[in-house]
Amino acid sequence: MTAEAPSLTAQRVAVRRAAHQLFDDPRVFEDPLALPILGSDEVAKIKAKTAGIEPHASRHIRAFMAARARFAEDTLIEAMERGATQYVVLGAGLDTYAYRNAHSHLRVFEVDHPATQSWKRKQLDAAGIAIPPSLAFVPTDFEERSLGEVLESSGFQTSEVSFFSWLGVTPYLTAGAAVATLAFIGSLPEGSGVVFDYAVERSALDPEQQLAMDALASRVARAGEPSRLFLSPRALEHLLRIAGFREIEDFGPAEIDARYFSGRTDGLQVAAGLAHLVNART
């Protein structure tokens, strides 16, 4: 990603979200806007590329992306039941929740790099997807400005219970930027929370998993977005406790498969070992 070009990682996530709508039955995550926001030309490319034999690695990544999106929106519902009135999508990419939001009382904030956000707005316009009044765009760079600063300047109320999704972002951050973001969320009123994914430390993987991680890291590095942050579950839980989170759930691949892919006959599942999903609440 550069100052002028949108994130290639965000583009690839959008492609896999669309592919899930096209090729997987039953779907883990229903997103009726995933295809329109990507555009007909890109959808045609997906159909052509995935028509043949698909590599297992590609299906595993798509499964994880579908599961984490579903998990975030499932957990958002729980947060609203606790009183959440604000939903912040960190590193939003082409996430479409704000344009499907049926809750008039829920304010949505999309936080992303300015170049990626500009690209998204062009995609929305081309698809004829209206920007709802409940949505605020928040352009920023996580490494350059604090999350609290940019949110408050966009109308975010720190006195209200809020929920955050932070998907596909933490591996590309410095430890300092990740800790600062978690500290801000952890300072919010009781009942607030965040769902995020993280890459586990390489030393915790077996040799086959290490090869898979190395291949993935090489691809994202070539896209200009190298992986920088790897965590152990124990160290992460300690960090979250210090940041102010009282309830923490950490789901590895086996737990994710049990929740979302049990009983499938098509073999769609998450790859073992590479990434975890966390639900943390204040």
Protein backbone atom coordinates (compact mmCIF):
# COMPACT_ATOMS: atom_id res chain seq x y z
CA MET A 1 0.00 0.00 0.00
CA THR A 2 1.18 3.53 -0.82
CA ALA A 3 -0.16 6.98 -0.06
CA GLU A 4 -2.01 6.93 -3.40
CA ALA A 5 -2.93 3.26 -3.90
CA PRO A 6 -5.44 1.20 -1.89
CA SER A 7 -4.30 -1.75 0.20
CA LEU A 8 -3.77 -4.89 -1.88
CA THR A 9 -4.61 -6.92 1.21
CA ALA A 10 -7.98 -5.15 1.45
CA GLN A 11 -8.61 -5.95 -2.21
CA ARG A 12 -7.78 -9.62 -1.69
CA VAL A 13 -10.09 -9.83 1.33
CA ALA A 14 -12.91 -8.36 -0.76
CA VAL A 15 -12.25 -10.92 -3.50
CA ARG A 16 -12.39 -13.82 -1.03
CA ARG A 17 -15.55 -12.48 0.61
CA ALA A 18 -17.16 -12.36 -2.84
CA ALA A 19 -15.87 -15.84 -3.70
CA HIS A 20 -17.52 -17.21 -0.57
CA GLN A 21 -20.87 -15.89 -1.79
CA LEU A 22 -20.31 -17.52 -5.19
CA PHE A 23 -18.84 -20.92 -4.44
CA ASP A 24 -19.59 -22.09 -0.89
CA ASP A 25 -22.88 -23.75 0.05
CA PRO A 26 -24.08 -23.33 2.69
CA ARG A 27 -22.54 -19.93 3.30
CA VAL A 28 -21.05 -19.20 6.68
CA PHE A 29 -21.39 -15.46 6.10
CA GLU A 30 -24.20 -13.89 4.09
CA ASP A 31 -23.23 -10.62 2.41
CA PRO A 32 -25.57 -9.54 -0.41
CA LEU A 33 -23.37 -6.52 -1.15
CA ALA A 34 -20.06 -8.38 -1.46
CA LEU A 35 -20.45 -8.84 -5.22
CA PRO A 36 -21.93 -5.43 -6.14
CA ILE A 37 -19.30 -3.44 -4.23
CA LEU A 38 -16.48 -5.34 -5.93
CA GLY A 39 -17.86 -4.70 -9.42
CA SER A 40 -18.92 -6.93 -12.30
CA ASP A 41 -15.48 -7.05 -13.93
CA GLU A 42 -13.81 -8.33 -10.77
CA VAL A 43 -16.62 -10.81 -10.15
CA ALA A 44 -16.15 -12.19 -13.66
CA LYS A 45 -12.43 -12.66 -12.94
CA ILE A 46 -13.24 -14.55 -9.73
CA LYS A 47 -15.60 -16.89 -11.57
CA ALA A 48 -13.03 -17.58 -14.26
CA LYS A 49 -10.13 -18.10 -11.86
CA THR A 50 -11.99 -20.35 -9.41
CA ALA A 51 -13.73 -22.45 -12.04
CA GLY A 52 -10.91 -25.02 -12.08
CA ILE A 53 -9.16 -26.92 -9.31
CA GLU A 54 -8.73 -24.60 -6.34
CA PRO A 55 -5.65 -24.86 -4.08
CA HIS A 56 -6.41 -25.98 -0.52
CA ALA A 57 -4.55 -22.95 0.86
CA SER A 58 -6.86 -20.57 -0.96
CA ARG A 59 -9.97 -22.30 0.43
CA HIS A 60 -8.55 -22.29 3.96
CA ILE A 61 -7.92 -18.54 3.79
CA ARG A 62 -11.38 -17.90 2.38
CA ALA A 63 -12.92 -19.99 5.16
CA PHE A 64 -11.10 -17.99 7.82
CA MET A 65 -12.16 -14.68 6.31
CA ALA A 66 -15.79 -15.78 6.11
CA ALA A 67 -15.70 -17.07 9.70
CA ARG A 68 -14.12 -13.94 11.16
CA ALA A 69 -16.66 -11.68 9.39
CA ARG A 70 -19.53 -13.80 10.71
CA PHE A 71 -18.01 -13.88 14.19
CA ALA A 72 -17.65 -10.09 14.26
CA GLU A 73 -21.27 -9.47 13.27
CA ASP A 74 -22.58 -12.17 15.64
CA THR A 75 -20.64 -10.55 18.47
CA LEU A 76 -21.86 -7.08 17.48
CA ILE A 77 -25.42 -8.27 18.16
CA GLU A 78 -24.35 -9.37 21.64
CA ALA A 79 -22.70 -5.99 22.20
CA MET A 80 -25.89 -4.15 21.22
CA GLU A 81 -27.77 -6.27 23.75
CA ARG A 82 -25.29 -4.90 26.34
CA GLY A 83 -26.13 -1.36 25.23
CA ALA A 84 -23.61 -0.63 22.46
CA THR A 85 -24.65 2.34 20.31
CA GLN A 86 -21.45 2.74 18.30
CA TYR A 87 -19.76 0.25 15.96
CA VAL A 88 -16.21 0.96 14.76
CA VAL A 89 -14.81 -1.03 11.84
CA LEU A 90 -11.03 -0.69 12.00
CA GLY A 91 -9.30 -1.32 8.67
CA ALA A 92 -12.71 -1.46 6.99
CA GLY A 93 -11.63 -2.19 3.42
CA LEU A 94 -14.78 -3.12 1.47
CA ASP A 95 -16.70 -4.23 4.56
CA THR A 96 -20.41 -3.71 3.86
CA TYR A 97 -22.04 -3.80 7.29
CA ALA A 98 -22.75 -0.05 7.37
CA TYR A 99 -24.81 -0.38 4.18
CA ARG A 100 -26.80 -3.33 5.54
CA ASN A 101 -27.27 -1.90 9.03
CA ALA A 102 -30.91 -2.30 10.07
CA HIS A 103 -30.46 -0.68 13.50
CA SER A 104 -31.31 3.01 13.35
CA HIS A 105 -29.78 3.69 16.77
CA LEU A 106 -26.38 2.23 15.82
CA ARG A 107 -23.76 4.71 14.60
CA VAL A 108 -21.04 3.14 12.41
CA PHE A 109 -17.50 4.48 11.98
CA GLU A 110 -15.27 3.11 9.22
CA VAL A 111 -11.59 3.71 9.98
CA ASP A 112 -9.08 3.11 7.21
CA HIS A 113 -6.08 4.45 5.34
CA PRO A 114 -7.12 7.46 3.20
CA ALA A 115 -6.15 5.79 -0.10
CA THR A 116 -8.14 2.64 0.67
CA GLN A 117 -11.11 4.69 1.83
CA SER A 118 -11.06 6.77 -1.34
CA TRP A 119 -11.06 3.58 -3.42
CA LYS A 120 -14.01 2.24 -1.44
CA ARG A 121 -16.05 5.37 -2.00
CA LYS A 122 -15.47 5.03 -5.75
CA GLN A 123 -16.61 1.40 -5.58
CA LEU A 124 -19.74 2.39 -3.67
CA ASP A 125 -20.55 5.08 -6.19
CA ALA A 126 -20.01 2.75 -9.16
CA ALA A 127 -22.27 0.11 -7.56
CA GLY A 128 -24.98 2.63 -6.71
CA ILE A 129 -24.75 1.80 -3.00
CA ALA A 130 -25.95 4.76 -0.95
CA ILE A 131 -23.95 6.04 2.02
CA PRO A 132 -26.32 6.02 5.02
CA PRO A 133 -26.52 8.96 7.44
CA SER A 134 -25.56 6.59 10.29
CA LEU A 135 -22.05 6.15 8.81
CA ALA A 136 -18.94 8.26 9.38
CA PHE A 137 -15.76 7.77 7.33
CA VAL A 138 -12.60 8.18 9.41
CA PRO A 139 -9.40 8.31 7.33
CA THR A 140 -6.21 7.65 9.27
CA ASP A 141 -2.91 5.78 9.51
CA PHE A 142 -2.70 3.64 12.68
CA GLU A 143 1.03 4.28 12.87
CA GLU A 144 0.75 8.08 12.70
CA ARG A 145 -2.31 9.17 14.71
CA SER A 146 -3.98 7.79 17.80
CA LEU A 147 -7.32 6.05 17.37
CA GLY A 148 -8.95 8.14 20.09
CA GLU A 149 -7.89 11.37 18.43
CA VAL A 150 -9.28 10.56 14.99
CA LEU A 151 -12.51 9.03 16.32
CA GLU A 152 -13.37 11.90 18.62
CA SER A 153 -12.83 14.37 15.78
CA SER A 154 -15.41 12.38 13.78
CA GLY A 155 -18.16 12.48 16.39
CA PHE A 156 -17.38 9.33 18.38
CA GLN A 157 -18.57 9.53 21.99
CA THR A 158 -16.17 7.98 24.50
CA SER A 159 -18.92 7.95 27.14
CA GLU A 160 -21.02 5.39 25.21
CA VAL A 161 -20.75 1.61 25.10
CA SER A 162 -19.05 0.74 21.81
CA PHE A 163 -18.00 -2.30 19.82
CA PHE A 164 -15.02 -2.63 17.48
CA SER A 165 -14.13 -5.10 14.74
CA TRP A 166 -10.45 -5.18 13.83
CA LEU A 167 -9.99 -7.84 11.19
CA GLY A 168 -6.90 -8.49 9.12
CA VAL A 169 -4.98 -5.56 10.61
CA THR A 170 -2.87 -6.51 13.63
CA PRO A 171 -0.26 -8.60 11.76
CA TYR A 172 0.78 -5.51 9.79
CA LEU A 173 1.18 -3.18 12.78
CA THR A 174 4.04 -2.44 15.09
CA ALA A 175 3.58 -3.67 18.65
CA GLY A 176 3.30 -0.07 19.82
CA ALA A 177 0.41 0.76 17.48
CA ALA A 178 -1.46 -2.43 18.41
CA VAL A 179 -1.04 -1.85 22.15
CA ALA A 180 -2.18 1.78 21.86
CA THR A 181 -5.33 0.73 19.99
CA LEU A 182 -6.21 -1.94 22.55
CA ALA A 183 -5.54 0.47 25.41
CA PHE A 184 -7.99 2.98 23.94
CA ILE A 185 -10.74 0.38 23.47
CA GLY A 186 -10.07 -1.02 26.94
CA SER A 187 -10.62 2.44 28.46
CA LEU A 188 -14.20 2.67 27.17
CA PRO A 189 -17.30 2.09 29.34
CA GLU A 190 -18.11 -1.34 30.72
CA GLY A 191 -19.76 -3.53 28.11
CA SER A 192 -17.60 -2.26 25.26
CA GLY A 193 -15.57 -4.78 23.30
CA VAL A 194 -13.52 -5.77 20.30
CA VAL A 195 -13.21 -8.75 17.97
CA PHE A 196 -9.87 -9.12 16.22
CA ASP A 197 -7.63 -11.75 14.68
CA TYR A 198 -3.91 -12.21 15.16
CA ALA A 199 -1.05 -14.28 13.81
CA VAL A 200 0.52 -16.73 16.24
CA GLU A 201 4.25 -16.88 16.80
CA ARG A 202 6.08 -18.99 14.24
CA SER A 203 7.76 -21.06 16.95
CA ALA A 204 4.33 -22.34 18.04
CA LEU A 205 3.70 -23.96 14.64
CA ASP A 206 4.75 -27.34 13.32
CA PRO A 207 7.07 -27.50 10.27
CA GLU A 208 4.21 -27.77 7.74
CA GLN A 209 2.39 -24.84 9.32
CA GLN A 210 5.60 -22.81 9.32
CA LEU A 211 5.93 -23.36 5.58
CA ALA A 212 2.34 -22.21 5.07
CA MET A 213 2.97 -19.12 7.19
CA ASP A 214 6.18 -18.33 5.32
CA ALA A 215 4.38 -18.60 1.97
CA LEU A 216 1.61 -16.27 3.13
CA ALA A 217 4.09 -13.80 4.63
CA SER A 218 6.01 -13.77 1.36
CA ARG A 219 2.87 -12.94 -0.63
CA VAL A 220 1.82 -10.02 1.57
CA ALA A 221 5.39 -8.71 1.68
CA ARG A 222 5.46 -8.64 -2.13
CA ALA A 223 2.25 -6.60 -1.95
CA GLY A 224 4.10 -4.02 0.15
CA GLU A 225 2.41 -4.96 3.42
CA PRO A 226 4.85 -7.16 5.36
CA SER A 227 3.72 -9.04 8.47
CA ARG A 228 5.32 -7.56 11.59
CA LEU A 229 3.41 -8.66 14.66
CA PHE A 230 3.15 -12.25 15.93
CA LEU A 231 1.77 -13.13 19.36
CA SER A 232 1.39 -16.00 21.77
CA PRO A 233 -2.06 -16.53 23.31
CA ARG A 234 -0.67 -16.27 26.85
CA ALA A 235 1.19 -13.01 26.21
CA LEU A 236 -1.83 -11.54 24.44
CA GLU A 237 -4.17 -12.37 27.32
CA HIS A 238 -1.78 -10.64 29.72
CA LEU A 239 -1.68 -7.56 27.49
CA LEU A 240 -5.48 -7.45 27.26
CA ARG A 241 -5.89 -7.70 31.04
CA ILE A 242 -3.53 -4.78 31.52
CA ALA A 243 -5.46 -2.80 28.88
CA GLY A 244 -8.68 -3.14 30.88
CA PHE A 245 -10.48 -6.10 29.35
CA ARG A 246 -12.26 -8.33 31.88
CA GLU A 247 -13.63 -11.10 29.66
CA ILE A 248 -11.46 -12.69 26.97
CA GLU A 249 -12.21 -15.54 24.55
CA ASP A 250 -9.47 -16.81 22.24
CA PHE A 251 -10.55 -19.17 19.45
CA GLY A 252 -8.02 -21.27 17.57
CA PRO A 253 -8.70 -23.03 14.26
CA ALA A 254 -10.27 -26.11 15.88
CA GLU A 255 -12.77 -23.96 17.81
CA ILE A 256 -13.57 -21.89 14.71
CA ASP A 257 -14.16 -25.04 12.66
CA ALA A 258 -16.40 -26.51 15.36
CA ARG A 259 -18.48 -23.34 15.48
CA TYR A 260 -18.85 -22.59 11.78
CA PHE A 261 -17.81 -25.56 9.62
CA SER A 262 -19.01 -28.63 11.51
CA GLY A 263 -20.91 -31.17 9.42
CA ARG A 264 -20.00 -29.71 6.04
CA THR A 265 -19.58 -32.10 3.15
CA ASP A 266 -17.43 -29.81 0.97
CA GLY A 267 -14.37 -29.86 3.23
CA LEU A 268 -14.36 -26.10 3.78
CA GLN A 269 -12.44 -25.36 6.97
CA VAL A 270 -9.78 -23.15 8.53
CA ALA A 271 -6.11 -24.08 8.22
CA ALA A 272 -4.63 -25.42 11.45
CA GLY A 273 -2.42 -23.17 13.51
CA LEU A 274 -2.04 -19.97 11.54
CA ALA A 275 -4.45 -17.50 13.10
CA HIS A 276 -6.75 -16.96 16.07
CA LEU A 277 -9.91 -14.94 16.71
CA VAL A 278 -10.33 -12.99 19.94
CA ASN A 279 -13.44 -11.55 21.58
CA ALA A 280 -12.51 -9.18 24.43
CA ARG A 281 -14.92 -7.15 26.60
CA THR A 282 -14.43 -4.43 29.18
